[in-house]
Amino acid sequence: MNPAVPPRDDILIEIEKATGYTFTNPSLCLKALQTAGCAAAGGQKSLAQVGDAALRLALVTIGYGKGASRGQIDSALRTKASNSHLADQGFERGFDGSIDR
């Protein structure tokens, strides 16, 4: 683990506070915080697929609940589920300091 990264319990506490979500499987959160180049991570493509699907489901469900059109939902998916938007959100919330490189 990177010495500049806080201990795992501290990372989880901060992320749970920032997101308002309590992880039922904290090891998945910690695994997601490892970069693909991290030797211990072994790549995160499978985990990223799960996260992408969960995010898409959440955004579609929210859009549907608000009565949004398919076009509006597709637009929200293109912008809010994009890697660049998600990276910006992570930097804005200070999650970049929790990444294990």
PDB file of N, CA and C in Angstrom:
ATOM      1  N   MET A   1       0.845  -1.181   0.000  1.00  0.00           N
ATOM      2  CA  MET A   1       0.000   0.000   0.000  1.00  0.00           C
ATOM      3  C   MET A   1       0.888   1.241   0.000  1.00  0.00           C
ATOM      4  N   ASN A   2       0.448   2.253  -0.663  1.00  0.00           N
ATOM      5  CA  ASN A   2       1.151   3.526  -0.740  1.00  0.00           C
ATOM      6  C   ASN A   2       1.203   4.157   0.649  1.00  0.00           C
ATOM      7  N   PRO A   3       2.395   4.541   1.148  1.00  0.00           N
ATOM      8  CA  PRO A   3       2.481   5.118   2.489  1.00  0.00           C
ATOM      9  C   PRO A   3       1.724   6.438   2.624  1.00  0.00           C
ATOM     10  N   ALA A   4       1.465   7.120   1.511  1.00  0.00           N
ATOM     11  CA  ALA A   4       0.724   8.381   1.564  1.00  0.00           C
ATOM     12  C   ALA A   4      -0.781   8.155   1.687  1.00  0.00           C
ATOM     13  N   VAL A   5      -1.227   6.912   1.506  1.00  0.00           N
ATOM     14  CA  VAL A   5      -2.644   6.587   1.580  1.00  0.00           C
ATOM     15  C   VAL A   5      -3.002   6.244   3.021  1.00  0.00           C
ATOM     16  N   PRO A   6      -4.119   6.811   3.540  1.00  0.00           N
ATOM     17  CA  PRO A   6      -4.522   6.505   4.918  1.00  0.00           C
ATOM     18  C   PRO A   6      -4.852   5.021   5.092  1.00  0.00           C
ATOM     19  N   PRO A   7      -4.871   4.537   6.345  1.00  0.00           N
ATOM     20  CA  PRO A   7      -5.225   3.135   6.600  1.00  0.00           C
ATOM     21  C   PRO A   7      -6.607   2.798   6.036  1.00  0.00           C
ATOM     22  N   ARG A   8      -6.804   1.527   5.718  1.00  0.00           N
ATOM     23  CA  ARG A   8      -8.043   1.084   5.066  1.00  0.00           C
ATOM     24  C   ARG A   8      -9.303   1.490   5.820  1.00  0.00           C
ATOM     25  N   ASP A   9      -9.332   1.319   7.134  1.00  0.00           N
ATOM     26  CA  ASP A   9     -10.530   1.664   7.891  1.00  0.00           C
ATOM     27  C   ASP A   9     -10.851   3.146   7.752  1.00  0.00           C
ATOM     28  N   ASP A  10      -9.826   3.995   7.777  1.00  0.00           N
ATOM     29  CA  ASP A  10     -10.041   5.434   7.625  1.00  0.00           C
ATOM     30  C   ASP A  10     -10.588   5.758   6.241  1.00  0.00           C
ATOM     31  N   ILE A  11     -10.070   5.088   5.222  1.00  0.00           N
ATOM     32  CA  ILE A  11     -10.543   5.311   3.854  1.00  0.00           C
ATOM     33  C   ILE A  11     -12.022   4.953   3.753  1.00  0.00           C
ATOM     34  N   LEU A  12     -12.395   3.787   4.264  1.00  0.00           N
ATOM     35  CA  LEU A  12     -13.794   3.360   4.196  1.00  0.00           C
ATOM     36  C   LEU A  12     -14.709   4.328   4.928  1.00  0.00           C
ATOM     37  N   ILE A  13     -14.302   4.762   6.097  1.00  0.00           N
ATOM     38  CA  ILE A  13     -15.113   5.700   6.878  1.00  0.00           C
ATOM     39  C   ILE A  13     -15.331   6.983   6.094  1.00  0.00           C
ATOM     40  N   GLU A  14     -14.269   7.524   5.510  1.00  0.00           N
ATOM     41  CA  GLU A  14     -14.377   8.773   4.753  1.00  0.00           C
ATOM     42  C   GLU A  14     -15.267   8.610   3.524  1.00  0.00           C
ATOM     43  N   ILE A  15     -15.113   7.509   2.821  1.00  0.00           N
ATOM     44  CA  ILE A  15     -15.926   7.287   1.620  1.00  0.00           C
ATOM     45  C   ILE A  15     -17.388   7.070   1.997  1.00  0.00           C
ATOM     46  N   GLU A  16     -17.636   6.325   3.050  1.00  0.00           N
ATOM     47  CA  GLU A  16     -19.017   6.116   3.485  1.00  0.00           C
ATOM     48  C   GLU A  16     -19.655   7.424   3.939  1.00  0.00           C
ATOM     49  N   LYS A  17     -18.901   8.263   4.626  1.00  0.00           N
ATOM     50  CA  LYS A  17     -19.437   9.568   5.028  1.00  0.00           C
ATOM     51  C   LYS A  17     -19.729  10.432   3.808  1.00  0.00           C
ATOM     52  N   ALA A  18     -18.816  10.438   2.849  1.00  0.00           N
ATOM     53  CA  ALA A  18     -18.967  11.290   1.661  1.00  0.00           C
ATOM     54  C   ALA A  18     -20.121  10.842   0.771  1.00  0.00           C
ATOM     55  N   THR A  19     -20.347   9.531   0.698  1.00  0.00           N
ATOM     56  CA  THR A  19     -21.382   9.014  -0.195  1.00  0.00           C
ATOM     57  C   THR A  19     -22.713   8.768   0.503  1.00  0.00           C
ATOM     58  N   GLY A  20     -22.692   8.692   1.826  1.00  0.00           N
ATOM     59  CA  GLY A  20     -23.911   8.376   2.554  1.00  0.00           C
ATOM     60  C   GLY A  20     -24.307   6.912   2.410  1.00  0.00           C
ATOM     61  N   TYR A  21     -23.368   6.083   2.015  1.00  0.00           N
ATOM     62  CA  TYR A  21     -23.626   4.662   1.779  1.00  0.00           C
ATOM     63  C   TYR A  21     -22.719   3.826   2.671  1.00  0.00           C
ATOM     64  N   THR A  22     -23.289   2.819   3.329  1.00  0.00           N
ATOM     65  CA  THR A  22     -22.503   1.889   4.130  1.00  0.00           C
ATOM     66  C   THR A  22     -22.319   0.612   3.323  1.00  0.00           C
ATOM     67  N   PHE A  23     -21.084   0.277   3.044  1.00  0.00           N
ATOM     68  CA  PHE A  23     -20.783  -0.889   2.221  1.00  0.00           C
ATOM     69  C   PHE A  23     -21.081  -2.179   2.969  1.00  0.00           C
ATOM     70  N   THR A  24     -21.827  -3.072   2.336  1.00  0.00           N
ATOM     71  CA  THR A  24     -22.073  -4.388   2.922  1.00  0.00           C
ATOM     72  C   THR A  24     -20.887  -5.303   2.663  1.00  0.00           C
ATOM     73  N   ASN A  25     -20.096  -4.975   1.634  1.00  0.00           N
ATOM     74  CA  ASN A  25     -18.889  -5.733   1.320  1.00  0.00           C
ATOM     75  C   ASN A  25     -17.751  -4.725   1.129  1.00  0.00           C
ATOM     76  N   PRO A  26     -17.154  -4.254   2.234  1.00  0.00           N
ATOM     77  CA  PRO A  26     -16.119  -3.222   2.147  1.00  0.00           C
ATOM     78  C   PRO A  26     -14.919  -3.612   1.295  1.00  0.00           C
ATOM     79  N   SER A  27     -14.663  -4.908   1.154  1.00  0.00           N
ATOM     80  CA  SER A  27     -13.503  -5.317   0.358  1.00  0.00           C
ATOM     81  C   SER A  27     -13.668  -4.921  -1.108  1.00  0.00           C
ATOM     82  N   LEU A  28     -14.906  -4.859  -1.601  1.00  0.00           N
ATOM     83  CA  LEU A  28     -15.122  -4.419  -2.985  1.00  0.00           C
ATOM     84  C   LEU A  28     -14.780  -2.945  -3.151  1.00  0.00           C
ATOM     85  N   CYS A  29     -15.113  -2.144  -2.154  1.00  0.00           N
ATOM     86  CA  CYS A  29     -14.754  -0.722  -2.201  1.00  0.00           C
ATOM     87  C   CYS A  29     -13.239  -0.573  -2.225  1.00  0.00           C
ATOM     88  N   LEU A  30     -12.570  -1.289  -1.356  1.00  0.00           N
ATOM     89  CA  LEU A  30     -11.105  -1.200  -1.301  1.00  0.00           C
ATOM     90  C   LEU A  30     -10.471  -1.701  -2.595  1.00  0.00           C
ATOM     91  N   LYS A  31     -11.039  -2.753  -3.160  1.00  0.00           N
ATOM     92  CA  LYS A  31     -10.513  -3.270  -4.426  1.00  0.00           C
ATOM     93  C   LYS A  31     -10.697  -2.237  -5.536  1.00  0.00           C
ATOM     94  N   ALA A  32     -11.823  -1.553  -5.524  1.00  0.00           N
ATOM     95  CA  ALA A  32     -12.093  -0.537  -6.545  1.00  0.00           C
ATOM     96  C   ALA A  32     -11.130   0.637  -6.444  1.00  0.00           C
ATOM     97  N   LEU A  33     -10.543   0.833  -5.283  1.00  0.00           N
ATOM     98  CA  LEU A  33      -9.611   1.945  -5.080  1.00  0.00           C
ATOM     99  C   LEU A  33      -8.188   1.603  -5.506  1.00  0.00           C
ATOM    100  N   GLN A  34      -7.979   0.405  -6.005  1.00  0.00           N
ATOM    101  CA  GLN A  34      -6.655   0.022  -6.503  1.00  0.00           C
ATOM    102  C   GLN A  34      -6.613   0.287  -8.001  1.00  0.00           C
ATOM    103  N   THR A  35      -5.570   0.955  -8.452  1.00  0.00           N
ATOM    104  CA  THR A  35      -5.454   1.218  -9.883  1.00  0.00           C
ATOM    105  C   THR A  35      -5.190  -0.083 -10.626  1.00  0.00           C
ATOM    106  N   ALA A  36      -5.508  -0.084 -11.895  1.00  0.00           N
ATOM    107  CA  ALA A  36      -5.322  -1.289 -12.706  1.00  0.00           C
ATOM    108  C   ALA A  36      -3.861  -1.719 -12.736  1.00  0.00           C
ATOM    109  N   GLY A  37      -2.936  -0.779 -12.580  1.00  0.00           N
ATOM    110  CA  GLY A  37      -1.513  -1.104 -12.608  1.00  0.00           C
ATOM    111  C   GLY A  37      -0.972  -1.610 -11.290  1.00  0.00           C
ATOM    112  N   CYS A  38      -1.778  -1.558 -10.239  1.00  0.00           N
ATOM    113  CA  CYS A  38      -1.347  -2.020  -8.917  1.00  0.00           C
ATOM    114  C   CYS A  38      -1.174  -3.541  -8.961  1.00  0.00           C
ATOM    115  N   ALA A  39      -0.028  -4.011  -8.513  1.00  0.00           N
ATOM    116  CA  ALA A  39       0.281  -5.445  -8.591  1.00  0.00           C
ATOM    117  C   ALA A  39      -0.767  -6.291  -7.873  1.00  0.00           C
ATOM    118  N   ALA A  40      -1.264  -5.796  -6.743  1.00  0.00           N
ATOM    119  CA  ALA A  40      -2.237  -6.568  -5.972  1.00  0.00           C
ATOM    120  C   ALA A  40      -3.608  -6.586  -6.640  1.00  0.00           C
ATOM    121  N   ALA A  41      -3.881  -5.605  -7.489  1.00  0.00           N
ATOM    122  CA  ALA A  41      -5.218  -5.482  -8.070  1.00  0.00           C
ATOM    123  C   ALA A  41      -5.467  -6.483  -9.186  1.00  0.00           C
ATOM    124  N   GLY A  42      -4.460  -6.692 -10.031  1.00  0.00           N
ATOM    125  CA  GLY A  42      -4.645  -7.616 -11.140  1.00  0.00           C
ATOM    126  C   GLY A  42      -5.624  -7.119 -12.179  1.00  0.00           C
ATOM    127  N   GLY A  43      -5.859  -5.826 -12.212  1.00  0.00           N
ATOM    128  CA  GLY A  43      -6.811  -5.257 -13.165  1.00  0.00           C
ATOM    129  C   GLY A  43      -8.206  -5.232 -12.575  1.00  0.00           C
ATOM    130  N   GLN A  44      -8.986  -4.252 -12.965  1.00  0.00           N
ATOM    131  CA  GLN A  44     -10.311  -4.067 -12.366  1.00  0.00           C
ATOM    132  C   GLN A  44     -11.433  -4.123 -13.389  1.00  0.00           C
ATOM    133  N   LYS A  45     -11.205  -4.703 -14.551  1.00  0.00           N
ATOM    134  CA  LYS A  45     -12.219  -4.685 -15.605  1.00  0.00           C
ATOM    135  C   LYS A  45     -13.520  -5.367 -15.180  1.00  0.00           C
ATOM    136  N   SER A  46     -13.440  -6.499 -14.508  1.00  0.00           N
ATOM    137  CA  SER A  46     -14.660  -7.195 -14.084  1.00  0.00           C
ATOM    138  C   SER A  46     -15.419  -6.379 -13.054  1.00  0.00           C
ATOM    139  N   LEU A  47     -14.709  -5.831 -12.088  1.00  0.00           N
ATOM    140  CA  LEU A  47     -15.349  -5.008 -11.067  1.00  0.00           C
ATOM    141  C   LEU A  47     -15.918  -3.735 -11.689  1.00  0.00           C
ATOM    142  N   ALA A  48     -15.213  -3.161 -12.649  1.00  0.00           N
ATOM    143  CA  ALA A  48     -15.697  -1.958 -13.332  1.00  0.00           C
ATOM    144  C   ALA A  48     -16.994  -2.250 -14.083  1.00  0.00           C
ATOM    145  N   GLN A  49     -17.108  -3.437 -14.664  1.00  0.00           N
ATOM    146  CA  GLN A  49     -18.341  -3.802 -15.361  1.00  0.00           C
ATOM    147  C   GLN A  49     -19.521  -3.836 -14.398  1.00  0.00           C
ATOM    148  N   VAL A  50     -19.303  -4.365 -13.216  1.00  0.00           N
ATOM    149  CA  VAL A  50     -20.367  -4.415 -12.209  1.00  0.00           C
ATOM    150  C   VAL A  50     -20.759  -2.994 -11.802  1.00  0.00           C
ATOM    151  N   GLY A  51     -19.760  -2.153 -11.556  1.00  0.00           N
ATOM    152  CA  GLY A  51     -20.034  -0.770 -11.180  1.00  0.00           C
ATOM    153  C   GLY A  51     -20.757  -0.009 -12.271  1.00  0.00           C
ATOM    154  N   ASP A  52     -20.342  -0.197 -13.518  1.00  0.00           N
ATOM    155  CA  ASP A  52     -21.005   0.462 -14.648  1.00  0.00           C
ATOM    156  C   ASP A  52     -22.470   0.045 -14.739  1.00  0.00           C
ATOM    157  N   ALA A  53     -22.724  -1.250 -14.576  1.00  0.00           N
ATOM    158  CA  ALA A  53     -24.099  -1.747 -14.656  1.00  0.00           C
ATOM    159  C   ALA A  53     -24.947  -1.195 -13.514  1.00  0.00           C
ATOM    160  N   ALA A  54     -24.380  -1.140 -12.313  1.00  0.00           N
ATOM    161  CA  ALA A  54     -25.115  -0.614 -11.159  1.00  0.00           C
ATOM    162  C   ALA A  54     -25.424   0.867 -11.343  1.00  0.00           C
ATOM    163  N   LEU A  55     -24.452   1.622 -11.843  1.00  0.00           N
ATOM    164  CA  LEU A  55     -24.662   3.053 -12.074  1.00  0.00           C
ATOM    165  C   LEU A  55     -25.722   3.271 -13.146  1.00  0.00           C
ATOM    166  N   ARG A  56     -25.659   2.514 -14.226  1.00  0.00           N
ATOM    167  CA  ARG A  56     -26.661   2.642 -15.294  1.00  0.00           C
ATOM    168  C   ARG A  56     -28.055   2.320 -14.753  1.00  0.00           C
ATOM    169  N   LEU A  57     -28.168   1.252 -13.965  1.00  0.00           N
ATOM    170  CA  LEU A  57     -29.465   0.885 -13.393  1.00  0.00           C
ATOM    171  C   LEU A  57     -29.995   2.003 -12.501  1.00  0.00           C
ATOM    172  N   ALA A  58     -29.128   2.561 -11.665  1.00  0.00           N
ATOM    173  CA  ALA A  58     -29.554   3.641 -10.772  1.00  0.00           C
ATOM    174  C   ALA A  58     -30.022   4.859 -11.566  1.00  0.00           C
ATOM    175  N   LEU A  59     -29.257   5.250 -12.586  1.00  0.00           N
ATOM    176  CA  LEU A  59     -29.624   6.430 -13.372  1.00  0.00           C
ATOM    177  C   LEU A  59     -30.909   6.210 -14.165  1.00  0.00           C
ATOM    178  N   VAL A  60     -31.085   5.024 -14.733  1.00  0.00           N
ATOM    179  CA  VAL A  60     -32.313   4.724 -15.475  1.00  0.00           C
ATOM    180  C   VAL A  60     -33.506   4.709 -14.522  1.00  0.00           C
ATOM    181  N   THR A  61     -33.345   4.111 -13.350  1.00  0.00           N
ATOM    182  CA  THR A  61     -34.427   4.052 -12.367  1.00  0.00           C
ATOM    183  C   THR A  61     -34.829   5.451 -11.907  1.00  0.00           C
ATOM    184  N   ILE A  62     -33.845   6.298 -11.648  1.00  0.00           N
ATOM    185  CA  ILE A  62     -34.134   7.680 -11.243  1.00  0.00           C
ATOM    186  C   ILE A  62     -34.855   8.417 -12.363  1.00  0.00           C
ATOM    187  N   GLY A  63     -34.344   8.286 -13.589  1.00  0.00           N
ATOM    188  CA  GLY A  63     -34.986   8.941 -14.729  1.00  0.00           C
ATOM    189  C   GLY A  63     -36.407   8.461 -14.937  1.00  0.00           C
ATOM    190  N   TYR A  64     -36.610   7.165 -14.855  1.00  0.00           N
ATOM    191  CA  TYR A  64     -37.945   6.589 -15.009  1.00  0.00           C
ATOM    192  C   TYR A  64     -38.884   7.135 -13.935  1.00  0.00           C
ATOM    193  N   GLY A  65     -38.394   7.180 -12.700  1.00  0.00           N
ATOM    194  CA  GLY A  65     -39.206   7.686 -11.592  1.00  0.00           C
ATOM    195  C   GLY A  65     -39.600   9.143 -11.759  1.00  0.00           C
ATOM    196  N   LYS A  66     -38.786   9.898 -12.467  1.00  0.00           N
ATOM    197  CA  LYS A  66     -39.076  11.317 -12.712  1.00  0.00           C
ATOM    198  C   LYS A  66     -39.886  11.525 -13.989  1.00  0.00           C
ATOM    199  N   GLY A  67     -40.192  10.427 -14.689  1.00  0.00           N
ATOM    200  CA  GLY A  67     -40.956  10.532 -15.924  1.00  0.00           C
ATOM    201  C   GLY A  67     -40.142  11.044 -17.103  1.00  0.00           C
ATOM    202  N   ALA A  68     -38.834  10.879 -17.049  1.00  0.00           N
ATOM    203  CA  ALA A  68     -37.959  11.350 -18.123  1.00  0.00           C
ATOM    204  C   ALA A  68     -38.153  10.497 -19.379  1.00  0.00           C
ATOM    205  N   SER A  69     -37.932  11.123 -20.523  1.00  0.00           N
ATOM    206  CA  SER A  69     -38.020  10.397 -21.790  1.00  0.00           C
ATOM    207  C   SER A  69     -36.783   9.515 -21.963  1.00  0.00           C
ATOM    208  N   ARG A  70     -36.849   8.598 -22.925  1.00  0.00           N
ATOM    209  CA  ARG A  70     -35.676   7.753 -23.206  1.00  0.00           C
ATOM    210  C   ARG A  70     -34.487   8.610 -23.607  1.00  0.00           C
ATOM    211  N   GLY A  71     -34.748   9.650 -24.386  1.00  0.00           N
ATOM    212  CA  GLY A  71     -33.673  10.548 -24.809  1.00  0.00           C
ATOM    213  C   GLY A  71     -33.026  11.256 -23.633  1.00  0.00           C
ATOM    214  N   GLN A  72     -33.849  11.704 -22.678  1.00  0.00           N
ATOM    215  CA  GLN A  72     -33.308  12.368 -21.487  1.00  0.00           C
ATOM    216  C   GLN A  72     -32.486  11.391 -20.650  1.00  0.00           C
ATOM    217  N   ILE A  73     -32.974  10.176 -20.527  1.00  0.00           N
ATOM    218  CA  ILE A  73     -32.239   9.167 -19.759  1.00  0.00           C
ATOM    219  C   ILE A  73     -30.927   8.827 -20.460  1.00  0.00           C
ATOM    220  N   ASP A  74     -30.977   8.653 -21.778  1.00  0.00           N
ATOM    221  CA  ASP A  74     -29.747   8.371 -22.531  1.00  0.00           C
ATOM    222  C   ASP A  74     -28.738   9.501 -22.380  1.00  0.00           C
ATOM    223  N   SER A  75     -29.220  10.736 -22.391  1.00  0.00           N
ATOM    224  CA  SER A  75     -28.333  11.892 -22.219  1.00  0.00           C
ATOM    225  C   SER A  75     -27.685  11.875 -20.836  1.00  0.00           C
ATOM    226  N   ALA A  76     -28.482  11.565 -19.818  1.00  0.00           N
ATOM    227  CA  ALA A  76     -27.944  11.486 -18.453  1.00  0.00           C
ATOM    228  C   ALA A  76     -26.897  10.381 -18.357  1.00  0.00           C
ATOM    229  N   LEU A  77     -27.152   9.259 -19.012  1.00  0.00           N
ATOM    230  CA  LEU A  77     -26.182   8.158 -18.998  1.00  0.00           C
ATOM    231  C   LEU A  77     -24.878   8.564 -19.672  1.00  0.00           C
ATOM    232  N   ARG A  78     -24.981   9.261 -20.810  1.00  0.00           N
ATOM    233  CA  ARG A  78     -23.770   9.677 -21.532  1.00  0.00           C
ATOM    234  C   ARG A  78     -22.936  10.656 -20.713  1.00  0.00           C
ATOM    235  N   THR A  79     -23.585  11.541 -19.978  1.00  0.00           N
ATOM    236  CA  THR A  79     -22.821  12.542 -19.231  1.00  0.00           C
ATOM    237  C   THR A  79     -22.430  12.048 -17.842  1.00  0.00           C
ATOM    238  N   LYS A  80     -23.380  11.571 -17.078  1.00  0.00           N
ATOM    239  CA  LYS A  80     -23.109  11.227 -15.676  1.00  0.00           C
ATOM    240  C   LYS A  80     -22.370   9.909 -15.490  1.00  0.00           C
ATOM    241  N   ALA A  81     -22.472   9.004 -16.452  1.00  0.00           N
ATOM    242  CA  ALA A  81     -21.784   7.714 -16.322  1.00  0.00           C
ATOM    243  C   ALA A  81     -20.473   7.685 -17.101  1.00  0.00           C
ATOM    244  N   SER A  82     -20.061   8.829 -17.639  1.00  0.00           N
ATOM    245  CA  SER A  82     -18.804   8.854 -18.396  1.00  0.00           C
ATOM    246  C   SER A  82     -17.613   8.802 -17.440  1.00  0.00           C
ATOM    247  N   ASN A  83     -16.536   8.201 -17.893  1.00  0.00           N
ATOM    248  CA  ASN A  83     -15.339   8.104 -17.052  1.00  0.00           C
ATOM    249  C   ASN A  83     -14.812   9.479 -16.669  1.00  0.00           C
ATOM    250  N   SER A  84     -14.880  10.446 -17.592  1.00  0.00           N
ATOM    251  CA  SER A  84     -14.363  11.781 -17.274  1.00  0.00           C
ATOM    252  C   SER A  84     -15.203  12.447 -16.191  1.00  0.00           C
ATOM    253  N   HIS A  85     -16.527  12.301 -16.256  1.00  0.00           N
ATOM    254  CA  HIS A  85     -17.393  12.885 -15.223  1.00  0.00           C
ATOM    255  C   HIS A  85     -17.153  12.201 -13.875  1.00  0.00           C
ATOM    256  N   LEU A  86     -17.039  10.881 -13.899  1.00  0.00           N
ATOM    257  CA  LEU A  86     -16.808  10.152 -12.649  1.00  0.00           C
ATOM    258  C   LEU A  86     -15.460  10.517 -12.041  1.00  0.00           C
ATOM    259  N   ALA A  87     -14.440  10.692 -12.878  1.00  0.00           N
ATOM    260  CA  ALA A  87     -13.125  11.113 -12.378  1.00  0.00           C
ATOM    261  C   ALA A  87     -13.218  12.501 -11.756  1.00  0.00           C
ATOM    262  N   ASP A  88     -13.918  13.417 -12.425  1.00  0.00           N
ATOM    263  CA  ASP A  88     -14.097  14.765 -11.874  1.00  0.00           C
ATOM    264  C   ASP A  88     -14.781  14.711 -10.511  1.00  0.00           C
ATOM    265  N   GLN A  89     -15.811  13.873 -10.396  1.00  0.00           N
ATOM    266  CA  GLN A  89     -16.523  13.743  -9.125  1.00  0.00           C
ATOM    267  C   GLN A  89     -15.602  13.209  -8.028  1.00  0.00           C
ATOM    268  N   GLY A  90     -14.769  12.248  -8.375  1.00  0.00           N
ATOM    269  CA  GLY A  90     -13.821  11.700  -7.402  1.00  0.00           C
ATOM    270  C   GLY A  90     -12.818  12.734  -6.935  1.00  0.00           C
ATOM    271  N   PHE A  91     -12.285  13.524  -7.873  1.00  0.00           N
ATOM    272  CA  PHE A  91     -11.333  14.581  -7.509  1.00  0.00           C
ATOM    273  C   PHE A  91     -12.007  15.646  -6.652  1.00  0.00           C
ATOM    274  N   GLU A  92     -13.228  16.046  -7.022  1.00  0.00           N
ATOM    275  CA  GLU A  92     -13.948  17.067  -6.251  1.00  0.00           C
ATOM    276  C   GLU A  92     -14.182  16.625  -4.813  1.00  0.00           C
ATOM    277  N   ARG A  93     -14.368  15.344  -4.597  1.00  0.00           N
ATOM    278  CA  ARG A  93     -14.638  14.828  -3.251  1.00  0.00           C
ATOM    279  C   ARG A  93     -13.374  14.376  -2.527  1.00  0.00           C
ATOM    280  N   GLY A  94     -12.240  14.507  -3.190  1.00  0.00           N
ATOM    281  CA  GLY A  94     -10.973  14.170  -2.560  1.00  0.00           C
ATOM    282  C   GLY A  94     -10.671  12.688  -2.502  1.00  0.00           C
ATOM    283  N   PHE A  95     -11.372  11.878  -3.303  1.00  0.00           N
ATOM    284  CA  PHE A  95     -11.136  10.439  -3.283  1.00  0.00           C
ATOM    285  C   PHE A  95      -9.793  10.070  -3.891  1.00  0.00           C
ATOM    286  N   ASP A  96      -9.205  10.963  -4.676  1.00  0.00           N
ATOM    287  CA  ASP A  96      -7.927  10.645  -5.318  1.00  0.00           C
ATOM    288  C   ASP A  96      -6.838  10.362  -4.292  1.00  0.00           C
ATOM    289  N   GLY A  97      -6.957  10.915  -3.096  1.00  0.00           N
ATOM    290  CA  GLY A  97      -5.987  10.653  -2.041  1.00  0.00           C
ATOM    291  C   GLY A  97      -6.104   9.258  -1.451  1.00  0.00           C
ATOM    292  N   SER A  98      -7.175   8.551  -1.790  1.00  0.00           N
ATOM    293  CA  SER A  98      -7.406   7.204  -1.259  1.00  0.00           C
ATOM    294  C   SER A  98      -7.027   6.106  -2.236  1.00  0.00           C
ATOM    295  N   ILE A  99      -6.565   6.482  -3.414  1.00  0.00           N
ATOM    296  CA  ILE A  99      -6.225   5.495  -4.437  1.00  0.00           C
ATOM    297  C   ILE A  99      -4.911   4.807  -4.093  1.00  0.00           C
ATOM    298  N   ASP A 100      -4.911   3.488  -4.184  1.00  0.00           N
ATOM    299  CA  ASP A 100      -3.713   2.679  -3.944  1.00  0.00           C
ATOM    300  C   ASP A 100      -3.077   2.401  -5.296  1.00  0.00           C
ATOM    301  N   ARG A 101      -1.941   3.052  -5.562  1.00  0.00           N
ATOM    302  CA  ARG A 101      -1.300   2.921  -6.873  1.00  0.00           C
ATOM    303  C   ARG A 101      -0.266   1.853  -6.850  1.00  0.00           C
TER     304      ARG A 101
END
